[in-house]
Amino acid sequence: MRLLTKILQSKGYTVSEALDGEEFKAKATELSPDLIIANADFWQQSDEVKALRFQKEMENVLFILLSGNTPNGSDHT
């Protein structure tokens, strides 16, 4: 995700990160993003985050889920 963040920022996009479901929901609601890129594991672990996708305010937001682990099992890239 760090590499993707750097690439998007270098192209002039504003990037915001969330570390848990509560922060994710707050930022998604507050920032009204055009696109949300989330770690698939994070998405699977939080019903609150999944429910956000079906809220009226999120109907035009694109969601991309990324999956991939390093050899030690972490998802940090």
Protein backbone atom coordinates (compact mmCIF):
# COMPACT_ATOMS: atom_id res chain seq x y z
CA MET A 1 0.00 0.00 0.00
CA ARG A 2 2.89 2.38 0.65
CA LEU A 3 4.04 2.13 -2.95
CA LEU A 4 0.53 2.76 -4.24
CA THR A 5 0.23 5.76 -1.90
CA LYS A 6 3.48 7.23 -3.23
CA ILE A 7 2.43 6.72 -6.83
CA LEU A 8 -0.98 8.33 -6.34
CA GLN A 9 0.48 11.29 -4.43
CA SER A 10 3.12 11.83 -7.13
CA LYS A 11 0.27 12.12 -9.65
CA GLY A 12 -1.42 14.82 -7.56
CA TYR A 13 -4.06 12.73 -5.78
CA THR A 14 -4.93 13.28 -2.14
CA VAL A 15 -4.48 10.08 -0.14
CA SER A 16 -5.85 9.36 3.31
CA GLU A 17 -5.22 6.21 5.33
CA ALA A 18 -7.18 4.51 8.10
CA LEU A 19 -5.84 1.97 10.55
CA ASP A 20 -9.10 0.47 11.81
CA GLY A 21 -12.78 0.16 10.91
CA GLU A 22 -13.89 3.08 13.05
CA GLU A 23 -11.33 5.45 11.52
CA PHE A 24 -12.13 4.10 8.04
CA LYS A 25 -15.85 4.79 8.44
CA ALA A 26 -15.24 8.28 9.85
CA LYS A 27 -12.87 9.29 7.05
CA ALA A 28 -15.00 7.80 4.29
CA THR A 29 -18.01 9.72 5.54
CA GLU A 30 -16.11 12.95 6.18
CA LEU A 31 -13.99 13.06 3.01
CA SER A 32 -16.57 11.84 0.45
CA PRO A 33 -13.91 10.08 -1.64
CA ASP A 34 -14.21 9.16 -5.32
CA LEU A 35 -12.27 5.95 -4.76
CA ILE A 36 -11.55 3.69 -1.81
CA ILE A 37 -8.71 1.18 -1.98
CA ALA A 38 -8.76 -1.23 0.92
CA ASN A 39 -6.83 -4.27 2.05
CA ALA A 40 -9.05 -7.31 1.45
CA ASP A 41 -8.17 -8.77 4.87
CA PHE A 42 -9.18 -5.52 6.57
CA TRP A 43 -12.42 -5.53 4.59
CA GLN A 44 -13.21 -9.13 5.57
CA GLN A 45 -12.65 -8.46 9.28
CA SER A 46 -15.03 -5.54 9.66
CA ASP A 47 -18.78 -5.83 9.07
CA GLU A 48 -19.00 -2.09 9.76
CA VAL A 49 -16.67 -1.37 6.84
CA LYS A 50 -18.56 -3.73 4.52
CA ALA A 51 -21.89 -2.11 5.47
CA LEU A 52 -20.48 1.29 4.53
CA ARG A 53 -20.38 0.20 0.87
CA PHE A 54 -24.18 -0.01 0.79
CA GLN A 55 -24.94 3.37 2.32
CA LYS A 56 -26.64 5.92 0.07
CA GLU A 57 -23.72 8.37 0.41
CA MET A 58 -21.33 5.74 -1.00
CA GLU A 59 -23.35 4.72 -4.07
CA ASN A 60 -21.02 6.52 -6.51
CA VAL A 61 -17.76 5.60 -4.76
CA LEU A 62 -15.57 3.02 -6.47
CA PHE A 63 -14.15 0.34 -4.18
CA ILE A 64 -11.00 -1.64 -4.97
CA LEU A 65 -9.87 -4.45 -2.68
CA LEU A 66 -6.23 -5.47 -2.76
CA SER A 67 -4.86 -8.74 -1.53
CA GLY A 68 -1.33 -9.93 -1.11
CA ASN A 69 0.95 -10.89 1.71
CA THR A 70 4.68 -10.80 2.16
CA PRO A 71 6.42 -14.08 3.10
CA ASN A 72 6.11 -13.30 6.82
CA GLY A 73 2.34 -12.88 6.53
CA SER A 74 2.16 -9.11 6.88
CA ASP A 75 0.42 -7.01 4.28
CA HIS A 76 2.89 -4.12 4.32
CA THR A 77 4.50 -3.39 0.98
